[in-house]
């Protein structure tokens, strides 16, 4: 499934998702969709499930840029979470 179709599918559950948000997740190394020789991204069911998990975490977790203890925090797409 290409990126446009993937966004349309995910948008049913996560209205804030966009093509740029999916590209950001890829840029941050959180997802790695297959690509055609021409560079078109193709998302598998596994990729889509992973995107949904990430979106759930982003929506539900407390974000902070100044984590009190760096060892106890995780970087999630440029945001530190505790």
PDB file of N, CA and C in Angstrom:
ATOM      1  N   UNK A   1       0.856  -1.161   0.000  1.00  0.00           N
ATOM      2  CA  UNK A   1       0.000   0.000   0.000  1.00  0.00           C
ATOM      3  C   UNK A   1       0.911   1.235   0.000  1.00  0.00           C
ATOM      4  N   UNK A   2       0.625   2.212  -0.862  1.00  0.00           N
ATOM      5  CA  UNK A   2       1.462   3.411  -0.909  1.00  0.00           C
ATOM      6  C   UNK A   2       1.142   4.348   0.255  1.00  0.00           C
ATOM      7  N   UNK A   3       1.895   5.422   0.393  1.00  0.00           N
ATOM      8  CA  UNK A   3       1.760   6.302   1.555  1.00  0.00           C
ATOM      9  C   UNK A   3       0.392   6.989   1.615  1.00  0.00           C
ATOM     10  N   UNK A   4      -0.145   7.394   0.468  1.00  0.00           N
ATOM     11  CA  UNK A   4      -1.458   8.044   0.453  1.00  0.00           C
ATOM     12  C   UNK A   4      -2.559   7.119   0.928  1.00  0.00           C
ATOM     13  N   UNK A   5      -2.549   5.896   0.427  1.00  0.00           N
ATOM     14  CA  UNK A   5      -3.549   4.912   0.850  1.00  0.00           C
ATOM     15  C   UNK A   5      -3.368   4.528   2.321  1.00  0.00           C
ATOM     16  N   UNK A   6      -2.122   4.474   2.759  1.00  0.00           N
ATOM     17  CA  UNK A   6      -1.832   4.152   4.155  1.00  0.00           C
ATOM     18  C   UNK A   6      -2.404   5.228   5.071  1.00  0.00           C
ATOM     19  N   UNK A   7      -2.198   6.483   4.716  1.00  0.00           N
ATOM     20  CA  UNK A   7      -2.725   7.591   5.521  1.00  0.00           C
ATOM     21  C   UNK A   7      -4.251   7.549   5.557  1.00  0.00           C
ATOM     22  N   UNK A   8      -4.877   7.309   4.418  1.00  0.00           N
ATOM     23  CA  UNK A   8      -6.345   7.227   4.372  1.00  0.00           C
ATOM     24  C   UNK A   8      -6.866   6.138   5.308  1.00  0.00           C
ATOM     25  N   UNK A   9      -6.205   4.996   5.324  1.00  0.00           N
ATOM     26  CA  UNK A   9      -6.607   3.883   6.178  1.00  0.00           C
ATOM     27  C   UNK A   9      -6.437   4.230   7.663  1.00  0.00           C
ATOM     28  N   UNK A  10      -5.276   4.771   8.008  1.00  0.00           N
ATOM     29  CA  UNK A  10      -4.974   5.078   9.407  1.00  0.00           C
ATOM     30  C   UNK A  10      -5.804   6.259   9.906  1.00  0.00           C
ATOM     31  N   UNK A  11      -6.120   7.191   9.034  1.00  0.00           N
ATOM     32  CA  UNK A  11      -6.864   8.395   9.399  1.00  0.00           C
ATOM     33  C   UNK A  11      -8.237   8.074   9.989  1.00  0.00           C
ATOM     34  N   UNK A  12      -8.788   6.913   9.660  1.00  0.00           N
ATOM     35  CA  UNK A  12     -10.075   6.505  10.219  1.00  0.00           C
ATOM     36  C   UNK A  12     -10.005   6.396  11.741  1.00  0.00           C
ATOM     37  N   UNK A  13      -8.868   5.937  12.252  1.00  0.00           N
ATOM     38  CA  UNK A  13      -8.673   5.782  13.702  1.00  0.00           C
ATOM     39  C   UNK A  13      -7.881   6.936  14.316  1.00  0.00           C
ATOM     40  N   UNK A  14      -7.024   7.545  13.525  1.00  0.00           N
ATOM     41  CA  UNK A  14      -6.134   8.609  13.995  1.00  0.00           C
ATOM     42  C   UNK A  14      -6.254   9.808  13.054  1.00  0.00           C
ATOM     43  N   UNK A  15      -7.254  10.657  13.271  1.00  0.00           N
ATOM     44  CA  UNK A  15      -7.532  11.766  12.350  1.00  0.00           C
ATOM     45  C   UNK A  15      -6.371  12.743  12.155  1.00  0.00           C
ATOM     46  N   UNK A  16      -5.453  12.799  13.115  1.00  0.00           N
ATOM     47  CA  UNK A  16      -4.352  13.759  13.006  1.00  0.00           C
ATOM     48  C   UNK A  16      -3.192  13.264  12.137  1.00  0.00           C
ATOM     49  N   UNK A  17      -3.249  12.026  11.683  1.00  0.00           N
ATOM     50  CA  UNK A  17      -2.142  11.491  10.888  1.00  0.00           C
ATOM     51  C   UNK A  17      -2.110  12.172   9.517  1.00  0.00           C
ATOM     52  N   UNK A  18      -0.908  12.349   9.012  1.00  0.00           N
ATOM     53  CA  UNK A  18      -0.720  12.976   7.703  1.00  0.00           C
ATOM     54  C   UNK A  18       0.465  12.319   7.003  1.00  0.00           C
ATOM     55  N   UNK A  19       0.594  12.602   5.733  1.00  0.00           N
ATOM     56  CA  UNK A  19       1.731  12.069   4.975  1.00  0.00           C
ATOM     57  C   UNK A  19       3.034  12.564   5.597  1.00  0.00           C
ATOM     58  N   UNK A  20       3.077  13.835   5.969  1.00  0.00           N
ATOM     59  CA  UNK A  20       4.317  14.371   6.540  1.00  0.00           C
ATOM     60  C   UNK A  20       4.648  13.709   7.881  1.00  0.00           C
ATOM     61  N   UNK A  21       3.621  13.372   8.647  1.00  0.00           N
ATOM     62  CA  UNK A  21       3.861  12.698   9.934  1.00  0.00           C
ATOM     63  C   UNK A  21       4.437  11.306   9.705  1.00  0.00           C
ATOM     64  N   UNK A  22       3.939  10.593   8.702  1.00  0.00           N
ATOM     65  CA  UNK A  22       4.473   9.272   8.362  1.00  0.00           C
ATOM     66  C   UNK A  22       5.914   9.401   7.882  1.00  0.00           C
ATOM     67  N   UNK A  23       6.188  10.398   7.047  1.00  0.00           N
ATOM     68  CA  UNK A  23       7.559  10.613   6.570  1.00  0.00           C
ATOM     69  C   UNK A  23       8.490  10.932   7.731  1.00  0.00           C
ATOM     70  N   UNK A  24       7.995  11.696   8.707  1.00  0.00           N
ATOM     71  CA  UNK A  24       8.794  12.019   9.884  1.00  0.00           C
ATOM     72  C   UNK A  24       9.159  10.747  10.653  1.00  0.00           C
ATOM     73  N   UNK A  25       8.195   9.855  10.838  1.00  0.00           N
ATOM     74  CA  UNK A  25       8.470   8.600  11.542  1.00  0.00           C
ATOM     75  C   UNK A  25       9.551   7.808  10.823  1.00  0.00           C
ATOM     76  N   UNK A  26       9.503   7.830   9.491  1.00  0.00           N
ATOM     77  CA  UNK A  26      10.530   7.137   8.711  1.00  0.00           C
ATOM     78  C   UNK A  26      11.884   7.827   8.874  1.00  0.00           C
ATOM     79  N   UNK A  27      11.886   9.139   8.793  1.00  0.00           N
ATOM     80  CA  UNK A  27      13.127   9.905   8.928  1.00  0.00           C
ATOM     81  C   UNK A  27      13.801   9.640  10.275  1.00  0.00           C
ATOM     82  N   UNK A  28      12.991   9.468  11.319  1.00  0.00           N
ATOM     83  CA  UNK A  28      13.513   9.208  12.656  1.00  0.00           C
ATOM     84  C   UNK A  28      13.902   7.749  12.867  1.00  0.00           C
ATOM     85  N   UNK A  29      13.675   6.906  11.854  1.00  0.00           N
ATOM     86  CA  UNK A  29      14.056   5.506  11.938  1.00  0.00           C
ATOM     87  C   UNK A  29      13.082   4.626  12.696  1.00  0.00           C
ATOM     88  N   UNK A  30      11.875   5.138  12.937  1.00  0.00           N
ATOM     89  CA  UNK A  30      10.883   4.367  13.679  1.00  0.00           C
ATOM     90  C   UNK A  30      10.143   3.365  12.798  1.00  0.00           C
ATOM     91  N   UNK A  31      10.089   3.633  11.511  1.00  0.00           N
ATOM     92  CA  UNK A  31       9.503   2.701  10.544  1.00  0.00           C
ATOM     93  C   UNK A  31      10.424   2.628   9.335  1.00  0.00           C
ATOM     94  N   UNK A  32      10.372   1.511   8.626  1.00  0.00           N
ATOM     95  CA  UNK A  32      11.212   1.332   7.436  1.00  0.00           C
ATOM     96  C   UNK A  32      10.414   0.631   6.345  1.00  0.00           C
ATOM     97  N   UNK A  33       9.541   1.372   5.661  1.00  0.00           N
ATOM     98  CA  UNK A  33       8.763   0.746   4.597  1.00  0.00           C
ATOM     99  C   UNK A  33       9.655   0.353   3.414  1.00  0.00           C
ATOM    100  N   UNK A  34       9.211  -0.638   2.680  1.00  0.00           N
ATOM    101  CA  UNK A  34       9.912  -1.007   1.458  1.00  0.00           C
ATOM    102  C   UNK A  34       9.731   0.103   0.441  1.00  0.00           C
ATOM    103  N   UNK A  35      10.648   0.170  -0.520  1.00  0.00           N
ATOM    104  CA  UNK A  35      10.564   1.177  -1.580  1.00  0.00           C
ATOM    105  C   UNK A  35      10.747   0.528  -2.945  1.00  0.00           C
ATOM    106  N   UNK A  36      10.068   1.102  -3.908  1.00  0.00           N
ATOM    107  CA  UNK A  36      10.245   0.649  -5.286  1.00  0.00           C
ATOM    108  C   UNK A  36      11.548   1.241  -5.827  1.00  0.00           C
ATOM    109  N   UNK A  37      11.950   0.828  -7.000  1.00  0.00           N
ATOM    110  CA  UNK A  37      13.158   1.389  -7.616  1.00  0.00           C
ATOM    111  C   UNK A  37      12.999   2.887  -7.839  1.00  0.00           C
ATOM    112  N   UNK A  38      11.765   3.333  -8.032  1.00  0.00           N
ATOM    113  CA  UNK A  38      11.494   4.756  -8.230  1.00  0.00           C
ATOM    114  C   UNK A  38      11.382   5.533  -6.926  1.00  0.00           C
ATOM    115  N   UNK A  39      11.441   4.839  -5.789  1.00  0.00           N
ATOM    116  CA  UNK A  39      11.413   5.504  -4.499  1.00  0.00           C
ATOM    117  C   UNK A  39      10.058   5.543  -3.817  1.00  0.00           C
ATOM    118  N   UNK A  40       9.037   4.962  -4.450  1.00  0.00           N
ATOM    119  CA  UNK A  40       7.708   4.947  -3.835  1.00  0.00           C
ATOM    120  C   UNK A  40       7.718   4.043  -2.610  1.00  0.00           C
ATOM    121  N   UNK A  41       7.179   4.558  -1.511  1.00  0.00           N
ATOM    122  CA  UNK A  41       7.091   3.770  -0.283  1.00  0.00           C
ATOM    123  C   UNK A  41       5.923   2.794  -0.383  1.00  0.00           C
ATOM    124  N   UNK A  42       6.155   1.575   0.084  1.00  0.00           N
ATOM    125  CA  UNK A  42       5.098   0.569   0.161  1.00  0.00           C
ATOM    126  C   UNK A  42       5.032   0.052   1.591  1.00  0.00           C
ATOM    127  N   UNK A  43       3.864   0.202   2.210  1.00  0.00           N
ATOM    128  CA  UNK A  43       3.668  -0.165   3.606  1.00  0.00           C
ATOM    129  C   UNK A  43       2.948  -1.506   3.705  1.00  0.00           C
ATOM    130  N   UNK A  44       3.534  -2.396   4.489  1.00  0.00           N
ATOM    131  CA  UNK A  44       2.934  -3.706   4.746  1.00  0.00           C
ATOM    132  C   UNK A  44       1.957  -3.578   5.915  1.00  0.00           C
ATOM    133  N   UNK A  45       1.208  -4.640   6.165  1.00  0.00           N
ATOM    134  CA  UNK A  45       0.327  -4.658   7.337  1.00  0.00           C
ATOM    135  C   UNK A  45       1.142  -4.492   8.621  1.00  0.00           C
ATOM    136  N   UNK A  46       2.327  -5.063   8.645  1.00  0.00           N
ATOM    137  CA  UNK A  46       3.212  -4.929   9.807  1.00  0.00           C
ATOM    138  C   UNK A  46       3.628  -3.468  10.008  1.00  0.00           C
ATOM    139  N   UNK A  47       3.955  -2.782   8.912  1.00  0.00           N
ATOM    140  CA  UNK A  47       4.311  -1.360   8.994  1.00  0.00           C
ATOM    141  C   UNK A  47       3.144  -0.545   9.550  1.00  0.00           C
ATOM    142  N   UNK A  48       1.945  -0.834   9.070  1.00  0.00           N
ATOM    143  CA  UNK A  48       0.751  -0.100   9.496  1.00  0.00           C
ATOM    144  C   UNK A  48       0.480  -0.343  10.980  1.00  0.00           C
ATOM    145  N   UNK A  49       0.645  -1.568  11.427  1.00  0.00           N
ATOM    146  CA  UNK A  49       0.470  -1.875  12.855  1.00  0.00           C
ATOM    147  C   UNK A  49       1.488  -1.109  13.699  1.00  0.00           C
ATOM    148  N   UNK A  50       2.710  -1.058  13.231  1.00  0.00           N
ATOM    149  CA  UNK A  50       3.765  -0.330  13.957  1.00  0.00           C
ATOM    150  C   UNK A  50       3.445   1.166  14.013  1.00  0.00           C
ATOM    151  N   UNK A  51       2.990   1.723  12.921  1.00  0.00           N
ATOM    152  CA  UNK A  51       2.623   3.146  12.896  1.00  0.00           C
ATOM    153  C   UNK A  51       1.525   3.412  13.928  1.00  0.00           C
ATOM    154  N   UNK A  52       0.521   2.544  13.975  1.00  0.00           N
ATOM    155  CA  UNK A  52      -0.579   2.719  14.930  1.00  0.00           C
ATOM    156  C   UNK A  52      -0.079   2.642  16.370  1.00  0.00           C
ATOM    157  N   UNK A  53       0.851   1.734  16.646  1.00  0.00           N
ATOM    158  CA  UNK A  53       1.422   1.634  17.992  1.00  0.00           C
ATOM    159  C   UNK A  53       2.152   2.920  18.359  1.00  0.00           C
ATOM    160  N   UNK A  54       2.920   3.437  17.430  1.00  0.00           N
ATOM    161  CA  UNK A  54       3.661   4.678  17.668  1.00  0.00           C
ATOM    162  C   UNK A  54       2.698   5.830  17.922  1.00  0.00           C
ATOM    163  N   UNK A  55       1.650   5.924  17.118  1.00  0.00           N
ATOM    164  CA  UNK A  55       0.662   6.992  17.295  1.00  0.00           C
ATOM    165  C   UNK A  55      -0.024   6.873  18.650  1.00  0.00           C
ATOM    166  N   UNK A  56      -0.327   5.646  19.064  1.00  0.00           N
ATOM    167  CA  UNK A  56      -0.907   5.436  20.396  1.00  0.00           C
ATOM    168  C   UNK A  56       0.036   5.952  21.484  1.00  0.00           C
ATOM    169  N   UNK A  57       1.302   5.607  21.364  1.00  0.00           N
ATOM    170  CA  UNK A  57       2.280   6.054  22.354  1.00  0.00           C
ATOM    171  C   UNK A  57       2.405   7.575  22.357  1.00  0.00           C
ATOM    172  N   UNK A  58       2.447   8.161  21.193  1.00  0.00           N
ATOM    173  CA  UNK A  58       2.559   9.613  21.112  1.00  0.00           C
ATOM    174  C   UNK A  58       1.334  10.294  21.715  1.00  0.00           C
ATOM    175  N   UNK A  59       0.173   9.711  21.549  1.00  0.00           N
ATOM    176  CA  UNK A  59      -1.058  10.306  22.074  1.00  0.00           C
ATOM    177  C   UNK A  59      -1.211  10.098  23.578  1.00  0.00           C
ATOM    178  N   UNK A  60      -0.667   9.013  24.106  1.00  0.00           N
ATOM    179  CA  UNK A  60      -0.942   8.640  25.492  1.00  0.00           C
ATOM    180  C   UNK A  60       0.159   8.965  26.487  1.00  0.00           C
ATOM    181  N   UNK A  61       1.368   9.117  26.039  1.00  0.00           N
ATOM    182  CA  UNK A  61       2.479   9.274  26.985  1.00  0.00           C
ATOM    183  C   UNK A  61       2.772  10.733  27.300  1.00  0.00           C
ATOM    184  N   UNK A  62       3.340  10.929  28.454  1.00  0.00           N
ATOM    185  CA  UNK A  62       3.774  12.252  28.886  1.00  0.00           C
ATOM    186  C   UNK A  62       5.073  12.593  28.163  1.00  0.00           C
ATOM    187  N   UNK A  63       5.079  13.738  27.489  1.00  0.00           N
ATOM    188  CA  UNK A  63       6.276  14.187  26.780  1.00  0.00           C
ATOM    189  C   UNK A  63       6.994  15.229  27.627  1.00  0.00           C
ATOM    190  N   UNK A  64       8.293  15.182  27.534  1.00  0.00           N
ATOM    191  CA  UNK A  64       9.083  16.223  28.187  1.00  0.00           C
ATOM    192  C   UNK A  64      10.407  16.363  27.445  1.00  0.00           C
ATOM    193  N   UNK A  65      10.867  17.560  27.318  1.00  0.00           N
ATOM    194  CA  UNK A  65      12.165  17.777  26.673  1.00  0.00           C
ATOM    195  C   UNK A  65      13.287  17.738  27.699  1.00  0.00           C
ATOM    196  N   UNK A  66      12.949  17.869  28.976  1.00  0.00           N
ATOM    197  CA  UNK A  66      13.939  17.841  30.045  1.00  0.00           C
ATOM    198  C   UNK A  66      13.670  16.655  30.964  1.00  0.00           C
ATOM    199  N   UNK A  67      13.988  15.479  30.505  1.00  0.00           N
ATOM    200  CA  UNK A  67      13.766  14.285  31.329  1.00  0.00           C
ATOM    201  C   UNK A  67      14.660  14.361  32.562  1.00  0.00           C
ATOM    202  N   UNK A  68      14.087  14.083  33.712  1.00  0.00           N
ATOM    203  CA  UNK A  68      14.830  14.178  34.969  1.00  0.00           C
ATOM    204  C   UNK A  68      16.002  13.212  34.981  1.00  0.00           C
ATOM    205  N   UNK A  69      15.804  12.015  34.493  1.00  0.00           N
ATOM    206  CA  UNK A  69      16.854  11.007  34.471  1.00  0.00           C
ATOM    207  C   UNK A  69      16.919  10.438  33.065  1.00  0.00           C
ATOM    208  N   UNK A  70      17.932  10.822  32.326  1.00  0.00           N
ATOM    209  CA  UNK A  70      18.056  10.408  30.926  1.00  0.00           C
ATOM    210  C   UNK A  70      18.037   8.891  30.762  1.00  0.00           C
ATOM    211  N   UNK A  71      18.547   8.153  31.745  1.00  0.00           N
ATOM    212  CA  UNK A  71      18.569   6.697  31.645  1.00  0.00           C
ATOM    213  C   UNK A  71      17.173   6.097  31.696  1.00  0.00           C
ATOM    214  N   UNK A  72      16.247   6.775  32.340  1.00  0.00           N
ATOM    215  CA  UNK A  72      14.885   6.273  32.477  1.00  0.00           C
ATOM    216  C   UNK A  72      13.949   6.801  31.403  1.00  0.00           C
ATOM    217  N   UNK A  73      14.467   7.551  30.443  1.00  0.00           N
ATOM    218  CA  UNK A  73      13.613   8.107  29.407  1.00  0.00           C
ATOM    219  C   UNK A  73      13.971   7.492  28.061  1.00  0.00           C
ATOM    220  N   UNK A  74      13.073   7.671  27.110  1.00  0.00           N
ATOM    221  CA  UNK A  74      13.229   7.103  25.779  1.00  0.00           C
ATOM    222  C   UNK A  74      13.004   8.212  24.771  1.00  0.00           C
ATOM    223  N   UNK A  75      13.807   8.246  23.710  1.00  0.00           N
ATOM    224  CA  UNK A  75      13.623   9.220  22.641  1.00  0.00           C
ATOM    225  C   UNK A  75      12.610   8.645  21.666  1.00  0.00           C
ATOM    226  N   UNK A  76      11.501   9.346  21.473  1.00  0.00           N
ATOM    227  CA  UNK A  76      10.454   8.904  20.548  1.00  0.00           C
ATOM    228  C   UNK A  76      10.248   9.991  19.506  1.00  0.00           C
ATOM    229  N   UNK A  77      11.002   9.877  18.428  1.00  0.00           N
ATOM    230  CA  UNK A  77      10.863  10.841  17.352  1.00  0.00           C
ATOM    231  C   UNK A  77      11.241  12.247  17.762  1.00  0.00           C
ATOM    232  N   UNK A  78      12.326  12.406  18.505  1.00  0.00           N
ATOM    233  CA  UNK A  78      12.788  13.718  18.903  1.00  0.00           C
ATOM    234  C   UNK A  78      12.207  14.239  20.192  1.00  0.00           C
ATOM    235  N   UNK A  79      11.345  13.464  20.826  1.00  0.00           N
ATOM    236  CA  UNK A  79      10.747  13.860  22.100  1.00  0.00           C
ATOM    237  C   UNK A  79      11.162  12.858  23.163  1.00  0.00           C
ATOM    238  N   UNK A  80      11.548  13.370  24.327  1.00  0.00           N
ATOM    239  CA  UNK A  80      11.923  12.498  25.429  1.00  0.00           C
ATOM    240  C   UNK A  80      10.666  12.146  26.201  1.00  0.00           C
ATOM    241  N   UNK A  81      10.503  10.881  26.513  1.00  0.00           N
ATOM    242  CA  UNK A  81       9.375  10.457  27.336  1.00  0.00           C
ATOM    243  C   UNK A  81       9.922   9.762  28.565  1.00  0.00           C
ATOM    244  N   UNK A  82       9.193   9.891  29.644  1.00  0.00           N
ATOM    245  CA  UNK A  82       9.608   9.251  30.900  1.00  0.00           C
ATOM    246  C   UNK A  82       8.834   7.981  31.083  1.00  0.00           C
TER     247      UNK A  82
END
